[in-house]
Amino acid sequence: MLRAESLSCARAARVVLHDLSFTLAPGERLGVLGANGAGKTSLLATLAGELPAHAGQLHLDGRPLADYPVAELARRRAVLPQSPSLSFDLSVREVVAMGTYPFGGLAPEESARLIARALDLADAAVLAERRYLALSGGEQQRVQFARVLVQTLAAHRHGEYRVLMLDEPTASLDPRHQVQLLQGVARLAREEGIAALLVLHDVNLAAQWCDRLLLLAQGRVVALGAPADVLTPANLERVYELPAQVIPHPVLAGAPLVLFAAQVPC
């Protein structure tokens, strides 16, 4: 599994995350929450091996993450950044096929099967023959999600740990596609044992779709645990500087529902 112990992260000599310790088990969905500037994206970049750890230890399957060659790491984890950029006028199918690049030995029929499955999971099959640059922002996000799904699904050695790292994957999606994306992640976690780390802004989506939540404020852990234990009025007000009410969800048994309330001047 992925394990962080007393992990600190820095950008331009400024420490942005301090003393984080947690694990991410196979099949688990860990949501990372916090206000802007809390260190969420820096944490994901460090866990992905894109930003060196400033201090502490970070291991993947008991081996220091820094010891993994880039090509090997690409076969174990897939990353969807906050704002994927692509300026080439490729077809959607060609963009999704990029997820197979770390796996040079894939047979053409296996690649085609993985691409078709990922497009279906991302509700992007109807976009397959269109040009990527002609799509809306939300459509492009679904295609990029399909790409990282292919990368994750291609690493199918029996029992091998795989992890999806998604940075605000629902930000440009409408409500239906937000739910479909998170349903797809949940399905892969349940059926394939894929671990998922999701940086989210919507606390209620996180409460509904994540097994555990990591709540950050100013680069430090405020709370880590089950959604009902993490999303308390005191924790939420500390992190978001807004009064919050937490009530039982009217539809989802056992899930909390967060309501933020602020005094708005007339």
C-alpha atoms as a PDB file:
ATOM      1  CA  MET A   1       0.000   0.000   0.000  1.00  0.00           C
ATOM      2  CA  LEU A   2       0.967   3.671  -0.008  1.00  0.00           C
ATOM      3  CA  ARG A   3       2.278   4.827   3.369  1.00  0.00           C
ATOM      4  CA  ALA A   4       3.320   8.304   4.513  1.00  0.00           C
ATOM      5  CA  GLU A   5       5.097   8.792   7.837  1.00  0.00           C
ATOM      6  CA  SER A   6       5.805  12.264   9.236  1.00  0.00           C
ATOM      7  CA  LEU A   7       5.711  13.551   5.653  1.00  0.00           C
ATOM      8  CA  SER A   8       6.474  17.194   4.920  1.00  0.00           C
ATOM      9  CA  CYS A   9       6.365  18.889   1.524  1.00  0.00           C
ATOM     10  CA  ALA A  10       7.945  22.096   0.281  1.00  0.00           C
ATOM     11  CA  ARG A  11       7.659  24.393  -2.721  1.00  0.00           C
ATOM     12  CA  ALA A  12      10.372  26.957  -3.474  1.00  0.00           C
ATOM     13  CA  ALA A  13      11.988  26.381  -0.070  1.00  0.00           C
ATOM     14  CA  ARG A  14       8.682  27.057   1.731  1.00  0.00           C
ATOM     15  CA  VAL A  15       7.266  24.130   3.692  1.00  0.00           C
ATOM     16  CA  VAL A  16       3.616  23.787   2.703  1.00  0.00           C
ATOM     17  CA  LEU A  17       2.728  20.516   4.457  1.00  0.00           C
ATOM     18  CA  HIS A  18       3.849  19.436   7.894  1.00  0.00           C
ATOM     19  CA  ASP A  19       4.112  16.019   9.543  1.00  0.00           C
ATOM     20  CA  LEU A  20       1.438  13.985   7.751  1.00  0.00           C
ATOM     21  CA  SER A  21       1.075  10.280   8.508  1.00  0.00           C
ATOM     22  CA  PHE A  22      -1.490   7.968   6.890  1.00  0.00           C
ATOM     23  CA  THR A  23      -1.896   4.906   4.708  1.00  0.00           C
ATOM     24  CA  LEU A  24      -3.955   4.281   1.585  1.00  0.00           C
ATOM     25  CA  ALA A  25      -5.069   0.675   1.426  1.00  0.00           C
ATOM     26  CA  PRO A  26      -6.106  -1.305  -1.668  1.00  0.00           C
ATOM     27  CA  GLY A  27      -9.724  -0.602  -2.550  1.00  0.00           C
ATOM     28  CA  GLU A  28      -9.916   2.451  -0.275  1.00  0.00           C
ATOM     29  CA  ARG A  29     -11.144   5.899  -1.337  1.00  0.00           C
ATOM     30  CA  LEU A  30      -9.476   8.683   0.630  1.00  0.00           C
ATOM     31  CA  GLY A  31     -10.857  12.185   0.164  1.00  0.00           C
ATOM     32  CA  VAL A  32      -8.602  15.196   0.795  1.00  0.00           C
ATOM     33  CA  LEU A  33     -10.412  18.379   1.834  1.00  0.00           C
ATOM     34  CA  GLY A  34      -9.334  21.877   2.805  1.00  0.00           C
ATOM     35  CA  ALA A  35      -9.609  25.525   1.892  1.00  0.00           C
ATOM     36  CA  ASN A  36      -7.626  27.073  -0.962  1.00  0.00           C
ATOM     37  CA  GLY A  37      -3.926  26.971  -0.157  1.00  0.00           C
ATOM     38  CA  ALA A  38      -4.251  24.217   2.445  1.00  0.00           C
ATOM     39  CA  GLY A  39      -1.721  22.029   0.598  1.00  0.00           C
ATOM     40  CA  LYS A  40      -4.029  19.531  -1.110  1.00  0.00           C
ATOM     41  CA  THR A  41      -2.429  19.680  -4.562  1.00  0.00           C
ATOM     42  CA  SER A  42       1.079  19.684  -3.068  1.00  0.00           C
ATOM     43  CA  LEU A  43       0.202  16.535  -1.150  1.00  0.00           C
ATOM     44  CA  LEU A  44      -1.055  14.799  -4.289  1.00  0.00           C
ATOM     45  CA  ALA A  45       2.054  15.847  -6.238  1.00  0.00           C
ATOM     46  CA  THR A  46       4.309  14.447  -3.500  1.00  0.00           C
ATOM     47  CA  LEU A  47       2.392  11.167  -3.262  1.00  0.00           C
ATOM     48  CA  ALA A  48       2.577  10.864  -7.051  1.00  0.00           C
ATOM     49  CA  GLY A  49       6.358  11.267  -7.014  1.00  0.00           C
ATOM     50  CA  GLU A  50       6.233  14.555  -8.921  1.00  0.00           C
ATOM     51  CA  LEU A  51       7.350  16.690  -5.952  1.00  0.00           C
ATOM     52  CA  PRO A  52      10.172  15.420  -3.695  1.00  0.00           C
ATOM     53  CA  ALA A  53       9.332  14.994  -0.025  1.00  0.00           C
ATOM     54  CA  HIS A  54      10.915  17.645   2.185  1.00  0.00           C
ATOM     55  CA  ALA A  55      11.068  15.363   5.218  1.00  0.00           C
ATOM     56  CA  GLY A  56       9.621  12.110   6.478  1.00  0.00           C
ATOM     57  CA  GLN A  57       9.110   8.831   4.651  1.00  0.00           C
ATOM     58  CA  LEU A  58       6.919   7.810   1.731  1.00  0.00           C
ATOM     59  CA  HIS A  59       6.702   4.151   0.728  1.00  0.00           C
ATOM     60  CA  LEU A  60       4.869   2.233  -1.972  1.00  0.00           C
ATOM     61  CA  ASP A  61       4.589  -1.468  -1.128  1.00  0.00           C
ATOM     62  CA  GLY A  62       7.342  -1.081   1.465  1.00  0.00           C
ATOM     63  CA  ARG A  63       9.797   0.498  -0.969  1.00  0.00           C
ATOM     64  CA  PRO A  64      10.737   4.197  -0.885  1.00  0.00           C
ATOM     65  CA  LEU A  65       8.733   5.992  -3.561  1.00  0.00           C
ATOM     66  CA  ALA A  66      11.846   7.910  -4.622  1.00  0.00           C
ATOM     67  CA  ASP A  67      13.513   4.603  -5.582  1.00  0.00           C
ATOM     68  CA  TYR A  68      10.950   3.858  -8.297  1.00  0.00           C
ATOM     69  CA  PRO A  69      12.041   4.643 -11.863  1.00  0.00           C
ATOM     70  CA  VAL A  70       9.558   6.920 -13.615  1.00  0.00           C
ATOM     71  CA  ALA A  71       8.447   4.199 -16.026  1.00  0.00           C
ATOM     72  CA  GLU A  72       7.760   1.726 -13.229  1.00  0.00           C
ATOM     73  CA  LEU A  73       5.896   4.324 -11.188  1.00  0.00           C
ATOM     74  CA  ALA A  74       3.679   5.102 -14.191  1.00  0.00           C
ATOM     75  CA  ARG A  75       2.562   1.473 -14.154  1.00  0.00           C
ATOM     76  CA  ARG A  76       1.517   1.662 -10.497  1.00  0.00           C
ATOM     77  CA  ARG A  77      -0.251   5.008 -10.231  1.00  0.00           C
ATOM     78  CA  ALA A  78      -2.186   7.299 -12.549  1.00  0.00           C
ATOM     79  CA  VAL A  79      -2.632  11.029 -11.940  1.00  0.00           C
ATOM     80  CA  LEU A  80      -5.393  13.335 -13.145  1.00  0.00           C
ATOM     81  CA  PRO A  81      -4.169  16.899 -12.535  1.00  0.00           C
ATOM     82  CA  GLN A  82      -6.415  19.796 -11.678  1.00  0.00           C
ATOM     83  CA  SER A  83      -6.183  21.361 -15.150  1.00  0.00           C
ATOM     84  CA  PRO A  84      -4.930  18.863 -17.744  1.00  0.00           C
ATOM     85  CA  SER A  85      -3.434  20.685 -20.723  1.00  0.00           C
ATOM     86  CA  LEU A  86      -3.257  19.345 -24.249  1.00  0.00           C
ATOM     87  CA  SER A  87      -2.714  21.544 -27.296  1.00  0.00           C
ATOM     88  CA  PHE A  88      -2.483  18.868 -30.002  1.00  0.00           C
ATOM     89  CA  ASP A  89      -5.527  18.338 -32.207  1.00  0.00           C
ATOM     90  CA  LEU A  90      -5.985  14.645 -31.472  1.00  0.00           C
ATOM     91  CA  SER A  91      -9.106  12.540 -31.531  1.00  0.00           C
ATOM     92  CA  VAL A  92     -10.656  11.576 -28.224  1.00  0.00           C
ATOM     93  CA  ARG A  93      -9.718   7.953 -28.797  1.00  0.00           C
ATOM     94  CA  GLU A  94      -6.068   8.942 -29.318  1.00  0.00           C
ATOM     95  CA  VAL A  95      -6.059  10.951 -26.075  1.00  0.00           C
ATOM     96  CA  VAL A  96      -7.509   8.047 -24.101  1.00  0.00           C
ATOM     97  CA  ALA A  97      -4.991   5.685 -25.719  1.00  0.00           C
ATOM     98  CA  MET A  98      -2.204   7.703 -24.075  1.00  0.00           C
ATOM     99  CA  GLY A  99      -3.043   5.748 -20.949  1.00  0.00           C
ATOM    100  CA  THR A 100      -1.502   2.669 -22.558  1.00  0.00           C
ATOM    101  CA  TYR A 101       1.901   4.332 -23.155  1.00  0.00           C
ATOM    102  CA  PRO A 102       3.565   2.916 -19.997  1.00  0.00           C
ATOM    103  CA  PHE A 103       2.609  -0.593 -21.187  1.00  0.00           C
ATOM    104  CA  GLY A 104       4.435  -1.090 -24.452  1.00  0.00           C
ATOM    105  CA  GLY A 105       3.725  -4.806 -24.631  1.00  0.00           C
ATOM    106  CA  LEU A 106      -0.064  -4.545 -24.796  1.00  0.00           C
ATOM    107  CA  ALA A 107      -1.641  -6.322 -27.743  1.00  0.00           C
ATOM    108  CA  PRO A 108      -3.778  -4.067 -29.998  1.00  0.00           C
ATOM    109  CA  GLU A 109      -6.957  -5.960 -29.105  1.00  0.00           C
ATOM    110  CA  GLU A 110      -6.214  -5.581 -25.371  1.00  0.00           C
ATOM    111  CA  SER A 111      -5.605  -1.847 -25.801  1.00  0.00           C
ATOM    112  CA  ALA A 112      -8.876  -1.502 -27.694  1.00  0.00           C
ATOM    113  CA  ARG A 113     -10.739  -3.377 -24.952  1.00  0.00           C
ATOM    114  CA  LEU A 114      -9.290  -1.182 -22.195  1.00  0.00           C
ATOM    115  CA  ILE A 115     -10.036   2.019 -24.100  1.00  0.00           C
ATOM    116  CA  ALA A 116     -13.627   0.948 -24.712  1.00  0.00           C
ATOM    117  CA  ARG A 117     -14.127   0.065 -21.048  1.00  0.00           C
ATOM    118  CA  ALA A 118     -12.622   3.337 -19.839  1.00  0.00           C
ATOM    119  CA  LEU A 119     -14.720   5.397 -22.247  1.00  0.00           C
ATOM    120  CA  ASP A 120     -17.808   3.629 -20.980  1.00  0.00           C
ATOM    121  CA  LEU A 121     -16.914   4.165 -17.307  1.00  0.00           C
ATOM    122  CA  ALA A 122     -16.289   7.864 -17.983  1.00  0.00           C
ATOM    123  CA  ASP A 123     -19.516   8.234 -20.005  1.00  0.00           C
ATOM    124  CA  ALA A 124     -17.374   9.401 -22.896  1.00  0.00           C
ATOM    125  CA  ALA A 125     -18.019   6.690 -25.493  1.00  0.00           C
ATOM    126  CA  VAL A 126     -20.204   9.081 -27.525  1.00  0.00           C
ATOM    127  CA  LEU A 127     -17.214  11.429 -27.771  1.00  0.00           C
ATOM    128  CA  ALA A 128     -14.750   8.832 -29.054  1.00  0.00           C
ATOM    129  CA  GLU A 129     -14.558  10.025 -32.672  1.00  0.00           C
ATOM    130  CA  ARG A 130     -14.610  13.746 -31.946  1.00  0.00           C
ATOM    131  CA  ARG A 131     -11.591  16.067 -31.799  1.00  0.00           C
ATOM    132  CA  TYR A 132     -10.410  16.722 -28.265  1.00  0.00           C
ATOM    133  CA  LEU A 133      -9.853  20.473 -28.703  1.00  0.00           C
ATOM    134  CA  ALA A 134     -13.438  20.921 -29.931  1.00  0.00           C
ATOM    135  CA  LEU A 135     -14.914  19.602 -26.680  1.00  0.00           C
ATOM    136  CA  SER A 136     -16.253  21.622 -23.767  1.00  0.00           C
ATOM    137  CA  GLY A 137     -14.272  21.781 -20.536  1.00  0.00           C
ATOM    138  CA  GLY A 138     -16.477  19.183 -18.877  1.00  0.00           C
ATOM    139  CA  GLU A 139     -16.237  16.846 -21.864  1.00  0.00           C
ATOM    140  CA  GLN A 140     -12.455  17.175 -21.888  1.00  0.00           C
ATOM    141  CA  GLN A 141     -12.411  16.291 -18.182  1.00  0.00           C
ATOM    142  CA  ARG A 142     -14.355  13.089 -18.848  1.00  0.00           C
ATOM    143  CA  VAL A 143     -11.893  12.163 -21.608  1.00  0.00           C
ATOM    144  CA  GLN A 144      -8.904  12.797 -19.320  1.00  0.00           C
ATOM    145  CA  PHE A 145     -10.573  10.659 -16.660  1.00  0.00           C
ATOM    146  CA  ALA A 146     -10.914   7.865 -19.224  1.00  0.00           C
ATOM    147  CA  ARG A 147      -7.202   8.235 -20.005  1.00  0.00           C
ATOM    148  CA  VAL A 148      -6.121   7.682 -16.394  1.00  0.00           C
ATOM    149  CA  LEU A 149      -8.580   4.806 -16.103  1.00  0.00           C
ATOM    150  CA  VAL A 150      -6.857   3.071 -19.005  1.00  0.00           C
ATOM    151  CA  GLN A 151      -3.498   3.611 -17.339  1.00  0.00           C
ATOM    152  CA  THR A 152      -4.792   2.105 -14.101  1.00  0.00           C
ATOM    153  CA  LEU A 153      -6.674  -0.811 -15.666  1.00  0.00           C
ATOM    154  CA  ALA A 154      -3.718  -1.807 -17.855  1.00  0.00           C
ATOM    155  CA  ALA A 155      -1.674  -2.581 -14.712  1.00  0.00           C
ATOM    156  CA  HIS A 156      -3.527  -5.811 -14.095  1.00  0.00           C
ATOM    157  CA  ARG A 157      -0.963  -8.120 -12.527  1.00  0.00           C
ATOM    158  CA  HIS A 158      -2.754 -10.219  -9.959  1.00  0.00           C
ATOM    159  CA  GLY A 159      -2.590  -8.664  -6.515  1.00  0.00           C
ATOM    160  CA  GLU A 160      -0.527  -5.637  -7.581  1.00  0.00           C
ATOM    161  CA  TYR A 161      -1.306  -2.404  -5.790  1.00  0.00           C
ATOM    162  CA  ARG A 162      -2.639   0.352  -8.057  1.00  0.00           C
ATOM    163  CA  VAL A 163      -3.754   3.861  -7.148  1.00  0.00           C
ATOM    164  CA  LEU A 164      -5.727   6.599  -8.874  1.00  0.00           C
ATOM    165  CA  MET A 165      -4.831  10.156  -7.836  1.00  0.00           C
ATOM    166  CA  LEU A 166      -7.469  12.694  -8.861  1.00  0.00           C
ATOM    167  CA  ASP A 167      -7.106  16.435  -8.242  1.00  0.00           C
ATOM    168  CA  GLU A 168     -10.537  18.103  -8.189  1.00  0.00           C
ATOM    169  CA  PRO A 169     -11.912  15.673 -10.801  1.00  0.00           C
ATOM    170  CA  THR A 170     -15.495  16.945 -10.485  1.00  0.00           C
ATOM    171  CA  ALA A 171     -14.744  20.679 -10.726  1.00  0.00           C
ATOM    172  CA  SER A 172     -15.901  21.201 -14.333  1.00  0.00           C
ATOM    173  CA  LEU A 173     -18.614  18.534 -14.395  1.00  0.00           C
ATOM    174  CA  ASP A 174     -22.371  18.899 -14.131  1.00  0.00           C
ATOM    175  CA  PRO A 175     -24.085  17.081 -11.220  1.00  0.00           C
ATOM    176  CA  ARG A 176     -24.916  13.957 -13.230  1.00  0.00           C
ATOM    177  CA  HIS A 177     -21.367  13.502 -14.441  1.00  0.00           C
ATOM    178  CA  GLN A 178     -19.952  14.276 -10.992  1.00  0.00           C
ATOM    179  CA  VAL A 179     -21.937  11.347  -9.622  1.00  0.00           C
ATOM    180  CA  GLN A 180     -21.040   9.109 -12.567  1.00  0.00           C
ATOM    181  CA  LEU A 181     -17.327   9.802 -12.117  1.00  0.00           C
ATOM    182  CA  LEU A 182     -17.440   9.038  -8.408  1.00  0.00           C
ATOM    183  CA  GLN A 183     -19.553   5.942  -9.051  1.00  0.00           C
ATOM    184  CA  GLY A 184     -16.892   4.774 -11.501  1.00  0.00           C
ATOM    185  CA  VAL A 185     -14.154   5.239  -8.913  1.00  0.00           C
ATOM    186  CA  ALA A 186     -16.215   3.378  -6.317  1.00  0.00           C
ATOM    187  CA  ARG A 187     -16.834   0.519  -8.739  1.00  0.00           C
ATOM    188  CA  LEU A 188     -13.123   0.145  -9.536  1.00  0.00           C
ATOM    189  CA  ALA A 189     -12.249   0.236  -5.847  1.00  0.00           C
ATOM    190  CA  ARG A 190     -14.805  -2.450  -5.085  1.00  0.00           C
ATOM    191  CA  GLU A 191     -14.270  -4.740  -8.091  1.00  0.00           C
ATOM    192  CA  GLU A 192     -10.574  -4.215  -8.885  1.00  0.00           C
ATOM    193  CA  GLY A 193      -9.122  -3.290  -5.488  1.00  0.00           C
ATOM    194  CA  ILE A 194      -7.829   0.013  -6.882  1.00  0.00           C
ATOM    195  CA  ALA A 195      -7.002   2.621  -4.246  1.00  0.00           C
ATOM    196  CA  ALA A 196      -8.089   6.202  -4.903  1.00  0.00           C
ATOM    197  CA  LEU A 197      -6.987   9.535  -3.514  1.00  0.00           C
ATOM    198  CA  LEU A 198      -9.426  12.311  -4.414  1.00  0.00           C
ATOM    199  CA  VAL A 199      -8.838  16.011  -3.799  1.00  0.00           C
ATOM    200  CA  LEU A 200     -12.313  17.526  -3.555  1.00  0.00           C
ATOM    201  CA  HIS A 201     -13.927  20.831  -2.673  1.00  0.00           C
ATOM    202  CA  ASP A 202     -17.498  19.614  -2.215  1.00  0.00           C
ATOM    203  CA  VAL A 203     -17.605  18.266   1.338  1.00  0.00           C
ATOM    204  CA  ASN A 204     -20.932  16.534   0.784  1.00  0.00           C
ATOM    205  CA  LEU A 205     -19.711  14.641  -2.281  1.00  0.00           C
ATOM    206  CA  ALA A 206     -16.662  13.641  -0.261  1.00  0.00           C
ATOM    207  CA  ALA A 207     -18.835  12.454   2.638  1.00  0.00           C
ATOM    208  CA  GLN A 208     -20.965  10.390   0.282  1.00  0.00           C
ATOM    209  CA  TRP A 209     -18.273   8.772  -1.850  1.00  0.00           C
ATOM    210  CA  CYS A 210     -15.134   8.447   0.299  1.00  0.00           C
ATOM    211  CA  ASP A 211     -14.360   5.826   2.933  1.00  0.00           C
ATOM    212  CA  ARG A 212     -12.136   8.221   4.899  1.00  0.00           C
ATOM    213  CA  LEU A 213     -11.416  11.933   4.791  1.00  0.00           C
ATOM    214  CA  LEU A 214      -8.207  13.861   5.397  1.00  0.00           C
ATOM    215  CA  LEU A 215      -9.005  17.449   6.407  1.00  0.00           C
ATOM    216  CA  LEU A 216      -6.185  19.984   6.044  1.00  0.00           C
ATOM    217  CA  ALA A 217      -5.706  23.551   7.242  1.00  0.00           C
ATOM    218  CA  GLN A 218      -2.581  25.596   6.554  1.00  0.00           C
ATOM    219  CA  GLY A 219      -0.608  22.499   5.683  1.00  0.00           C
ATOM    220  CA  ARG A 220      -1.483  20.518   8.800  1.00  0.00           C
ATOM    221  CA  VAL A 221      -3.894  17.690   9.529  1.00  0.00           C
ATOM    222  CA  VAL A 222      -7.043  18.815  11.313  1.00  0.00           C
ATOM    223  CA  ALA A 223      -8.743  15.421  11.211  1.00  0.00           C
ATOM    224  CA  LEU A 224      -8.406  12.013   9.560  1.00  0.00           C
ATOM    225  CA  GLY A 225     -11.049   9.329   9.722  1.00  0.00           C
ATOM    226  CA  ALA A 226     -14.600   8.397   8.775  1.00  0.00           C
ATOM    227  CA  PRO A 227     -16.665  11.233   7.251  1.00  0.00           C
ATOM    228  CA  ALA A 228     -18.975  11.476  10.252  1.00  0.00           C
ATOM    229  CA  ASP A 229     -15.988  11.848  12.589  1.00  0.00           C
ATOM    230  CA  VAL A 230     -14.129  14.380  10.454  1.00  0.00           C
ATOM    231  CA  LEU A 231     -16.976  16.643   9.346  1.00  0.00           C
ATOM    232  CA  THR A 232     -17.882  18.215  12.656  1.00  0.00           C
ATOM    233  CA  PRO A 233     -19.012  21.846  13.045  1.00  0.00           C
ATOM    234  CA  ALA A 234     -15.828  22.711  14.963  1.00  0.00           C
ATOM    235  CA  ASN A 235     -13.508  21.169  12.374  1.00  0.00           C
ATOM    236  CA  LEU A 236     -15.359  22.755   9.468  1.00  0.00           C
ATOM    237  CA  GLU A 237     -15.380  26.235  10.979  1.00  0.00           C
ATOM    238  CA  ARG A 238     -11.671  25.969  11.728  1.00  0.00           C
ATOM    239  CA  VAL A 239     -10.872  24.982   8.143  1.00  0.00           C
ATOM    240  CA  TYR A 240     -13.319  27.089   6.131  1.00  0.00           C
ATOM    241  CA  GLU A 241     -13.864  29.990   8.551  1.00  0.00           C
ATOM    242  CA  LEU A 242     -17.617  29.682   8.141  1.00  0.00           C
ATOM    243  CA  PRO A 243     -20.211  28.451  10.650  1.00  0.00           C
ATOM    244  CA  ALA A 244     -21.489  25.012   9.679  1.00  0.00           C
ATOM    245  CA  GLN A 245     -24.300  22.709  10.687  1.00  0.00           C
ATOM    246  CA  VAL A 246     -23.961  18.952  10.290  1.00  0.00           C
ATOM    247  CA  ILE A 247     -27.163  16.930  10.173  1.00  0.00           C
ATOM    248  CA  PRO A 248     -28.001  13.317   9.272  1.00  0.00           C
ATOM    249  CA  HIS A 249     -28.392  12.913   5.527  1.00  0.00           C
ATOM    250  CA  PRO A 250     -32.109  12.597   4.682  1.00  0.00           C
ATOM    251  CA  VAL A 251     -31.493   9.846   2.110  1.00  0.00           C
ATOM    252  CA  LEU A 252     -28.143   8.180   2.848  1.00  0.00           C
ATOM    253  CA  ALA A 253     -28.220   6.380   6.185  1.00  0.00           C
ATOM    254  CA  GLY A 254     -25.198   7.132   8.355  1.00  0.00           C
ATOM    255  CA  ALA A 255     -23.846   9.887   6.099  1.00  0.00           C
ATOM    256  CA  PRO A 256     -23.480  13.469   7.359  1.00  0.00           C
ATOM    257  CA  LEU A 257     -24.894  16.437   5.459  1.00  0.00           C
ATOM    258  CA  VAL A 258     -23.003  19.715   5.832  1.00  0.00           C
ATOM    259  CA  LEU A 259     -24.771  23.073   5.614  1.00  0.00           C
ATOM    260  CA  PHE A 260     -22.633  26.207   5.563  1.00  0.00           C
ATOM    261  CA  ALA A 261     -24.284  29.392   6.791  1.00  0.00           C
ATOM    262  CA  ALA A 262     -22.887  32.899   6.538  1.00  0.00           C
ATOM    263  CA  GLN A 263     -24.326  36.272   7.438  1.00  0.00           C
ATOM    264  CA  VAL A 264     -24.892  38.102   4.167  1.00  0.00           C
ATOM    265  CA  PRO A 265     -25.216  41.906   4.457  1.00  0.00           C
ATOM    266  CA  CYS A 266     -28.468  43.339   3.119  1.00  0.00           C
END
